[in-house]
Amino acid sequence: MKIPFAILAATLALAASSPGHAKGCIKGAVVGGVAGHYAGHHGMLGAAAGCLYGRHHAKQQERQREMQQNQANGQGKI
């Protein structure tokens, strides 16, 4: 039980040192790690996959936000 908490603490410490690159990764890693742990003791694999998915999802949301701002400003591509 101490290992998941150690992993969580290490992940949070790394995220605090580089917040710009970790957007979406932390939440995904925590959720993926917990899910992986309960789905067959694969917490590290779940955390890695969750981080990748969380990062992908954050980039997707950022693109959508930029597109909406461009359309609202009348800068849509024609």
PDB file of N, CA and C in Angstrom:
ATOM      1  N   MET A   1       0.820  -1.189   0.000  1.00  0.00           N
ATOM      2  CA  MET A   1       0.000   0.000   0.000  1.00  0.00           C
ATOM      3  C   MET A   1       0.864   1.252   0.000  1.00  0.00           C
ATOM      4  N   LYS A   2       2.089   1.139   0.496  1.00  0.00           N
ATOM      5  CA  LYS A   2       2.967   2.302   0.544  1.00  0.00           C
ATOM      6  C   LYS A   2       3.514   2.654  -0.835  1.00  0.00           C
ATOM      7  N   ILE A   3       3.638   1.671  -1.712  1.00  0.00           N
ATOM      8  CA  ILE A   3       4.216   1.911  -3.036  1.00  0.00           C
ATOM      9  C   ILE A   3       3.346   2.853  -3.865  1.00  0.00           C
ATOM     10  N   PRO A   4       2.011   2.671  -3.945  1.00  0.00           N
ATOM     11  CA  PRO A   4       1.216   3.624  -4.729  1.00  0.00           C
ATOM     12  C   PRO A   4       1.321   5.052  -4.195  1.00  0.00           C
ATOM     13  N   PHE A   5       1.413   5.206  -2.896  1.00  0.00           N
ATOM     14  CA  PHE A   5       1.541   6.551  -2.334  1.00  0.00           C
ATOM     15  C   PHE A   5       2.907   7.146  -2.664  1.00  0.00           C
ATOM     16  N   ALA A   6       3.933   6.316  -2.699  1.00  0.00           N
ATOM     17  CA  ALA A   6       5.268   6.796  -3.070  1.00  0.00           C
ATOM     18  C   ALA A   6       5.292   7.218  -4.536  1.00  0.00           C
ATOM     19  N   ILE A   7       4.633   6.452  -5.380  1.00  0.00           N
ATOM     20  CA  ILE A   7       4.552   6.796  -6.799  1.00  0.00           C
ATOM     21  C   ILE A   7       3.788   8.100  -6.971  1.00  0.00           C
ATOM     22  N   LEU A   8       2.697   8.240  -6.260  1.00  0.00           N
ATOM     23  CA  LEU A   8       1.908   9.464  -6.332  1.00  0.00           C
ATOM     24  C   LEU A   8       2.729  10.663  -5.867  1.00  0.00           C
ATOM     25  N   ALA A   9       3.459  10.510  -4.783  1.00  0.00           N
ATOM     26  CA  ALA A   9       4.280  11.608  -4.269  1.00  0.00           C
ATOM     27  C   ALA A   9       5.376  11.981  -5.266  1.00  0.00           C
ATOM     28  N   ALA A  10       6.001  10.983  -5.876  1.00  0.00           N
ATOM     29  CA  ALA A  10       7.048  11.261  -6.862  1.00  0.00           C
ATOM     30  C   ALA A  10       6.470  11.957  -8.086  1.00  0.00           C
ATOM     31  N   THR A  11       5.304  11.532  -8.520  1.00  0.00           N
ATOM     32  CA  THR A  11       4.661  12.150  -9.677  1.00  0.00           C
ATOM     33  C   THR A  11       4.310  13.597  -9.394  1.00  0.00           C
ATOM     34  N   LEU A  12       3.771  13.856  -8.228  1.00  0.00           N
ATOM     35  CA  LEU A  12       3.425  15.226  -7.871  1.00  0.00           C
ATOM     36  C   LEU A  12       4.664  16.098  -7.736  1.00  0.00           C
ATOM     37  N   ALA A  13       5.751  15.546  -7.226  1.00  0.00           N
ATOM     38  CA  ALA A  13       6.988  16.314  -7.110  1.00  0.00           C
ATOM     39  C   ALA A  13       7.549  16.666  -8.482  1.00  0.00           C
ATOM     40  N   LEU A  14       7.480  15.731  -9.404  1.00  0.00           N
ATOM     41  CA  LEU A  14       7.946  16.004 -10.766  1.00  0.00           C
ATOM     42  C   LEU A  14       7.056  17.028 -11.458  1.00  0.00           C
ATOM     43  N   ALA A  15       5.771  16.945 -11.215  1.00  0.00           N
ATOM     44  CA  ALA A  15       4.838  17.890 -11.836  1.00  0.00           C
ATOM     45  C   ALA A  15       5.054  19.307 -11.315  1.00  0.00           C
ATOM     46  N   ALA A  16       5.410  19.422 -10.062  1.00  0.00           N
ATOM     47  CA  ALA A  16       5.636  20.741  -9.485  1.00  0.00           C
ATOM     48  C   ALA A  16       6.874  21.400 -10.087  1.00  0.00           C
ATOM     49  N   SER A  17       7.829  20.601 -10.533  1.00  0.00           N
ATOM     50  CA  SER A  17       9.049  21.166 -11.096  1.00  0.00           C
ATOM     51  C   SER A  17       8.887  21.595 -12.547  1.00  0.00           C
ATOM     52  N   SER A  18       7.944  21.018 -13.274  1.00  0.00           N
ATOM     53  CA  SER A  18       7.744  21.385 -14.677  1.00  0.00           C
ATOM     54  C   SER A  18       6.257  21.411 -15.014  1.00  0.00           C
ATOM     55  N   PRO A  19       5.521  22.399 -14.544  1.00  0.00           N
ATOM     56  CA  PRO A  19       4.074  22.404 -14.750  1.00  0.00           C
ATOM     57  C   PRO A  19       3.658  22.604 -16.203  1.00  0.00           C
ATOM     58  N   GLY A  20       4.487  23.234 -17.023  1.00  0.00           N
ATOM     59  CA  GLY A  20       4.110  23.484 -18.405  1.00  0.00           C
ATOM     60  C   GLY A  20       4.026  22.223 -19.242  1.00  0.00           C
ATOM     61  N   HIS A  21       4.860  21.257 -18.951  1.00  0.00           N
ATOM     62  CA  HIS A  21       4.896  20.041 -19.756  1.00  0.00           C
ATOM     63  C   HIS A  21       3.964  18.957 -19.220  1.00  0.00           C
ATOM     64  N   ALA A  22       3.419  19.143 -18.053  1.00  0.00           N
ATOM     65  CA  ALA A  22       2.642  18.083 -17.421  1.00  0.00           C
ATOM     66  C   ALA A  22       1.141  18.310 -17.512  1.00  0.00           C
ATOM     67  N   LYS A  23       0.717  19.227 -18.364  1.00  0.00           N
ATOM     68  CA  LYS A  23      -0.705  19.537 -18.435  1.00  0.00           C
ATOM     69  C   LYS A  23      -1.495  18.292 -18.849  1.00  0.00           C
ATOM     70  N   GLY A  24      -2.382  17.828 -17.994  1.00  0.00           N
ATOM     71  CA  GLY A  24      -3.193  16.657 -18.254  1.00  0.00           C
ATOM     72  C   GLY A  24      -2.547  15.354 -17.821  1.00  0.00           C
ATOM     73  N   CYS A  25      -1.247  15.347 -17.658  1.00  0.00           N
ATOM     74  CA  CYS A  25      -0.532  14.111 -17.343  1.00  0.00           C
ATOM     75  C   CYS A  25      -0.789  13.665 -15.908  1.00  0.00           C
ATOM     76  N   ILE A  26      -0.799  14.586 -14.980  1.00  0.00           N
ATOM     77  CA  ILE A  26      -0.898  14.214 -13.564  1.00  0.00           C
ATOM     78  C   ILE A  26      -2.233  13.539 -13.266  1.00  0.00           C
ATOM     79  N   LYS A  27      -3.309  14.175 -13.685  1.00  0.00           N
ATOM     80  CA  LYS A  27      -4.627  13.590 -13.421  1.00  0.00           C
ATOM     81  C   LYS A  27      -4.759  12.232 -14.105  1.00  0.00           C
ATOM     82  N   GLY A  28      -4.297  12.139 -15.348  1.00  0.00           N
ATOM     83  CA  GLY A  28      -4.358  10.877 -16.066  1.00  0.00           C
ATOM     84  C   GLY A  28      -3.516   9.797 -15.421  1.00  0.00           C
ATOM     85  N   ALA A  29      -2.330  10.183 -14.932  1.00  0.00           N
ATOM     86  CA  ALA A  29      -1.450   9.212 -14.298  1.00  0.00           C
ATOM     87  C   ALA A  29      -2.041   8.689 -12.998  1.00  0.00           C
ATOM     88  N   VAL A  30      -2.645   9.566 -12.234  1.00  0.00           N
ATOM     89  CA  VAL A  30      -3.249   9.127 -10.966  1.00  0.00           C
ATOM     90  C   VAL A  30      -4.409   8.178 -11.235  1.00  0.00           C
ATOM     91  N   VAL A  31      -5.299   8.567 -12.144  1.00  0.00           N
ATOM     92  CA  VAL A  31      -6.458   7.724 -12.447  1.00  0.00           C
ATOM     93  C   VAL A  31      -6.010   6.410 -13.077  1.00  0.00           C
ATOM     94  N   GLY A  32      -5.076   6.485 -14.025  1.00  0.00           N
ATOM     95  CA  GLY A  32      -4.581   5.270 -14.674  1.00  0.00           C
ATOM     96  C   GLY A  32      -3.838   4.362 -13.717  1.00  0.00           C
ATOM     97  N   GLY A  33      -3.076   4.947 -12.805  1.00  0.00           N
ATOM     98  CA  GLY A  33      -2.351   4.141 -11.827  1.00  0.00           C
ATOM     99  C   GLY A  33      -3.276   3.397 -10.887  1.00  0.00           C
ATOM    100  N   VAL A  34      -4.301   4.062 -10.438  1.00  0.00           N
ATOM    101  CA  VAL A  34      -5.275   3.409  -9.544  1.00  0.00           C
ATOM    102  C   VAL A  34      -6.019   2.317 -10.296  1.00  0.00           C
ATOM    103  N   ALA A  35      -6.464   2.641 -11.526  1.00  0.00           N
ATOM    104  CA  ALA A  35      -7.188   1.640 -12.314  1.00  0.00           C
ATOM    105  C   ALA A  35      -6.290   0.446 -12.628  1.00  0.00           C
ATOM    106  N   GLY A  36      -5.041   0.704 -12.996  1.00  0.00           N
ATOM    107  CA  GLY A  36      -4.113  -0.382 -13.292  1.00  0.00           C
ATOM    108  C   GLY A  36      -3.810  -1.233 -12.079  1.00  0.00           C
ATOM    109  N   HIS A  37      -3.730  -0.593 -10.924  1.00  0.00           N
ATOM    110  CA  HIS A  37      -3.462  -1.339  -9.688  1.00  0.00           C
ATOM    111  C   HIS A  37      -4.594  -2.319  -9.390  1.00  0.00           C
ATOM    112  N   TYR A  38      -5.810  -1.862  -9.525  1.00  0.00           N
ATOM    113  CA  TYR A  38      -6.946  -2.732  -9.212  1.00  0.00           C
ATOM    114  C   TYR A  38      -7.279  -3.706 -10.335  1.00  0.00           C
ATOM    115  N   ALA A  39      -6.740  -3.483 -11.524  1.00  0.00           N
ATOM    116  CA  ALA A  39      -7.017  -4.368 -12.649  1.00  0.00           C
ATOM    117  C   ALA A  39      -5.859  -5.330 -12.888  1.00  0.00           C
ATOM    118  N   GLY A  40      -5.206  -5.762 -11.860  1.00  0.00           N
ATOM    119  CA  GLY A  40      -4.176  -6.773 -12.013  1.00  0.00           C
ATOM    120  C   GLY A  40      -2.801  -6.340 -11.577  1.00  0.00           C
ATOM    121  N   HIS A  41      -2.719  -5.385 -10.692  1.00  0.00           N
ATOM    122  CA  HIS A  41      -1.443  -4.924 -10.131  1.00  0.00           C
ATOM    123  C   HIS A  41      -0.497  -4.396 -11.217  1.00  0.00           C
ATOM    124  N   HIS A  42      -1.041  -3.605 -12.123  1.00  0.00           N
ATOM    125  CA  HIS A  42      -0.253  -2.966 -13.175  1.00  0.00           C
ATOM    126  C   HIS A  42      -0.332  -1.455 -13.022  1.00  0.00           C
ATOM    127  N   GLY A  43      -0.066  -0.974 -11.827  1.00  0.00           N
ATOM    128  CA  GLY A  43      -0.200   0.448 -11.534  1.00  0.00           C
ATOM    129  C   GLY A  43       0.729   1.326 -12.343  1.00  0.00           C
ATOM    130  N   MET A  44       1.978   0.897 -12.530  1.00  0.00           N
ATOM    131  CA  MET A  44       2.932   1.705 -13.297  1.00  0.00           C
ATOM    132  C   MET A  44       2.518   1.790 -14.765  1.00  0.00           C
ATOM    133  N   LEU A  45       2.096   0.680 -15.324  1.00  0.00           N
ATOM    134  CA  LEU A  45       1.657   0.668 -16.708  1.00  0.00           C
ATOM    135  C   LEU A  45       0.407   1.534 -16.871  1.00  0.00           C
ATOM    136  N   GLY A  46      -0.513   1.434 -15.933  1.00  0.00           N
ATOM    137  CA  GLY A  46      -1.711   2.254 -15.964  1.00  0.00           C
ATOM    138  C   GLY A  46      -1.398   3.734 -15.822  1.00  0.00           C
ATOM    139  N   ALA A  47      -0.435   4.065 -14.974  1.00  0.00           N
ATOM    140  CA  ALA A  47      -0.045   5.464 -14.795  1.00  0.00           C
ATOM    141  C   ALA A  47       0.575   6.022 -16.071  1.00  0.00           C
ATOM    142  N   ALA A  48       1.410   5.238 -16.723  1.00  0.00           N
ATOM    143  CA  ALA A  48       2.033   5.687 -17.971  1.00  0.00           C
ATOM    144  C   ALA A  48       0.982   5.892 -19.056  1.00  0.00           C
ATOM    145  N   ALA A  49       0.078   4.943 -19.186  1.00  0.00           N
ATOM    146  CA  ALA A  49      -0.977   5.070 -20.192  1.00  0.00           C
ATOM    147  C   ALA A  49      -1.907   6.230 -19.860  1.00  0.00           C
ATOM    148  N   GLY A  50      -2.218   6.396 -18.589  1.00  0.00           N
ATOM    149  CA  GLY A  50      -3.074   7.506 -18.174  1.00  0.00           C
ATOM    150  C   GLY A  50      -2.431   8.851 -18.442  1.00  0.00           C
ATOM    151  N   CYS A  51      -1.131   8.931 -18.235  1.00  0.00           N
ATOM    152  CA  CYS A  51      -0.404  10.167 -18.508  1.00  0.00           C
ATOM    153  C   CYS A  51      -0.457  10.498 -19.996  1.00  0.00           C
ATOM    154  N   LEU A  52      -0.212   9.503 -20.840  1.00  0.00           N
ATOM    155  CA  LEU A  52      -0.263   9.725 -22.286  1.00  0.00           C
ATOM    156  C   LEU A  52      -1.655  10.163 -22.729  1.00  0.00           C
ATOM    157  N   TYR A  53      -2.683   9.485 -22.222  1.00  0.00           N
ATOM    158  CA  TYR A  53      -4.043   9.856 -22.598  1.00  0.00           C
ATOM    159  C   TYR A  53      -4.398  11.247 -22.077  1.00  0.00           C
ATOM    160  N   GLY A  54      -4.018  11.544 -20.854  1.00  0.00           N
ATOM    161  CA  GLY A  54      -4.322  12.857 -20.285  1.00  0.00           C
ATOM    162  C   GLY A  54      -3.651  13.969 -21.059  1.00  0.00           C
ATOM    163  N   ARG A  55      -2.410  13.758 -21.483  1.00  0.00           N
ATOM    164  CA  ARG A  55      -1.690  14.752 -22.283  1.00  0.00           C
ATOM    165  C   ARG A  55      -2.363  14.942 -23.643  1.00  0.00           C
ATOM    166  N   HIS A  56      -2.766  13.842 -24.267  1.00  0.00           N
ATOM    167  CA  HIS A  56      -3.460  13.908 -25.559  1.00  0.00           C
ATOM    168  C   HIS A  56      -4.775  14.674 -25.423  1.00  0.00           C
ATOM    169  N   HIS A  57      -5.512  14.374 -24.377  1.00  0.00           N
ATOM    170  CA  HIS A  57      -6.810  15.029 -24.157  1.00  0.00           C
ATOM    171  C   HIS A  57      -6.623  16.527 -23.895  1.00  0.00           C
ATOM    172  N   ALA A  58      -5.601  16.904 -23.145  1.00  0.00           N
ATOM    173  CA  ALA A  58      -5.339  18.318 -22.862  1.00  0.00           C
ATOM    174  C   ALA A  58      -4.980  19.072 -24.138  1.00  0.00           C
ATOM    175  N   LYS A  59      -4.182  18.452 -25.010  1.00  0.00           N
ATOM    176  CA  LYS A  59      -3.832  19.092 -26.284  1.00  0.00           C
ATOM    177  C   LYS A  59      -5.069  19.274 -27.160  1.00  0.00           C
ATOM    178  N   GLN A  60      -5.920  18.264 -27.156  1.00  0.00           N
ATOM    179  CA  GLN A  60      -7.155  18.323 -27.947  1.00  0.00           C
ATOM    180  C   GLN A  60      -8.050  19.468 -27.468  1.00  0.00           C
ATOM    181  N   GLN A  61      -8.205  19.601 -26.173  1.00  0.00           N
ATOM    182  CA  GLN A  61      -9.017  20.677 -25.620  1.00  0.00           C
ATOM    183  C   GLN A  61      -8.413  22.037 -25.919  1.00  0.00           C
ATOM    184  N   GLU A  62      -7.091  22.139 -25.885  1.00  0.00           N
ATOM    185  CA  GLU A  62      -6.423  23.407 -26.191  1.00  0.00           C
ATOM    186  C   GLU A  62      -6.656  23.811 -27.645  1.00  0.00           C
ATOM    187  N   ARG A  63      -6.587  22.840 -28.560  1.00  0.00           N
ATOM    188  CA  ARG A  63      -6.859  23.134 -29.974  1.00  0.00           C
ATOM    189  C   ARG A  63      -8.290  23.623 -30.166  1.00  0.00           C
ATOM    190  N   GLN A  64      -9.238  22.964 -29.509  1.00  0.00           N
ATOM    191  CA  GLN A  64     -10.635  23.382 -29.625  1.00  0.00           C
ATOM    192  C   GLN A  64     -10.831  24.781 -29.065  1.00  0.00           C
ATOM    193  N   ARG A  65     -10.192  25.082 -27.956  1.00  0.00           N
ATOM    194  CA  ARG A  65     -10.290  26.406 -27.345  1.00  0.00           C
ATOM    195  C   ARG A  65      -9.726  27.478 -28.287  1.00  0.00           C
ATOM    196  N   GLU A  66      -8.597  27.185 -28.927  1.00  0.00           N
ATOM    197  CA  GLU A  66      -7.998  28.129 -29.867  1.00  0.00           C
ATOM    198  C   GLU A  66      -8.900  28.357 -31.075  1.00  0.00           C
ATOM    199  N   MET A  67      -9.508  27.281 -31.579  1.00  0.00           N
ATOM    200  CA  MET A  67     -10.406  27.409 -32.732  1.00  0.00           C
ATOM    201  C   MET A  67     -11.616  28.272 -32.378  1.00  0.00           C
ATOM    202  N   GLN A  68     -12.173  28.077 -31.194  1.00  0.00           N
ATOM    203  CA  GLN A  68     -13.323  28.872 -30.770  1.00  0.00           C
ATOM    204  C   GLN A  68     -12.941  30.335 -30.612  1.00  0.00           C
ATOM    205  N   GLN A  69     -11.770  30.621 -30.095  1.00  0.00           N
ATOM    206  CA  GLN A  69     -11.328  31.996 -29.936  1.00  0.00           C
ATOM    207  C   GLN A  69     -11.101  32.651 -31.303  1.00  0.00           C
ATOM    208  N   ASN A  70     -10.517  31.891 -32.241  1.00  0.00           N
ATOM    209  CA  ASN A  70     -10.305  32.432 -33.579  1.00  0.00           C
ATOM    210  C   ASN A  70     -11.623  32.734 -34.270  1.00  0.00           C
ATOM    211  N   GLN A  71     -12.607  31.876 -34.115  1.00  0.00           N
ATOM    212  CA  GLN A  71     -13.916  32.107 -34.740  1.00  0.00           C
ATOM    213  C   GLN A  71     -14.618  33.280 -34.085  1.00  0.00           C
ATOM    214  N   ALA A  72     -14.461  33.435 -32.776  1.00  0.00           N
ATOM    215  CA  ALA A  72     -15.110  34.532 -32.077  1.00  0.00           C
ATOM    216  C   ALA A  72     -14.476  35.881 -32.473  1.00  0.00           C
ATOM    217  N   ASN A  73     -13.192  35.857 -32.798  1.00  0.00           N
ATOM    218  CA  ASN A  73     -12.494  37.073 -33.207  1.00  0.00           C
ATOM    219  C   ASN A  73     -12.610  37.342 -34.709  1.00  0.00           C
ATOM    220  N   GLY A  74     -13.282  36.463 -35.430  1.00  0.00           N
ATOM    221  CA  GLY A  74     -13.437  36.636 -36.864  1.00  0.00           C
ATOM    222  C   GLY A  74     -12.186  36.273 -37.638  1.00  0.00           C
ATOM    223  N   GLN A  75     -11.347  35.436 -37.071  1.00  0.00           N
ATOM    224  CA  GLN A  75     -10.106  35.057 -37.725  1.00  0.00           C
ATOM    225  C   GLN A  75     -10.166  33.629 -38.256  1.00  0.00           C
ATOM    226  N   GLY A  76     -11.349  33.135 -38.511  1.00  0.00           N
ATOM    227  CA  GLY A  76     -11.484  31.773 -39.029  1.00  0.00           C
ATOM    228  C   GLY A  76     -10.896  31.674 -40.418  1.00  0.00           C
ATOM    229  N   LYS A  77     -10.363  30.525 -40.775  1.00  0.00           N
ATOM    230  CA  LYS A  77      -9.759  30.333 -42.079  1.00  0.00           C
ATOM    231  C   LYS A  77     -10.855  30.241 -43.147  1.00  0.00           C
ATOM    232  N   ILE A  78     -10.619  30.912 -44.232  1.00  0.00           N
ATOM    233  CA  ILE A  78     -11.600  30.893 -45.339  1.00  0.00           C
ATOM    234  C   ILE A  78     -10.977  30.264 -46.540  1.00  0.00           C
TER     235      ILE A  78
END
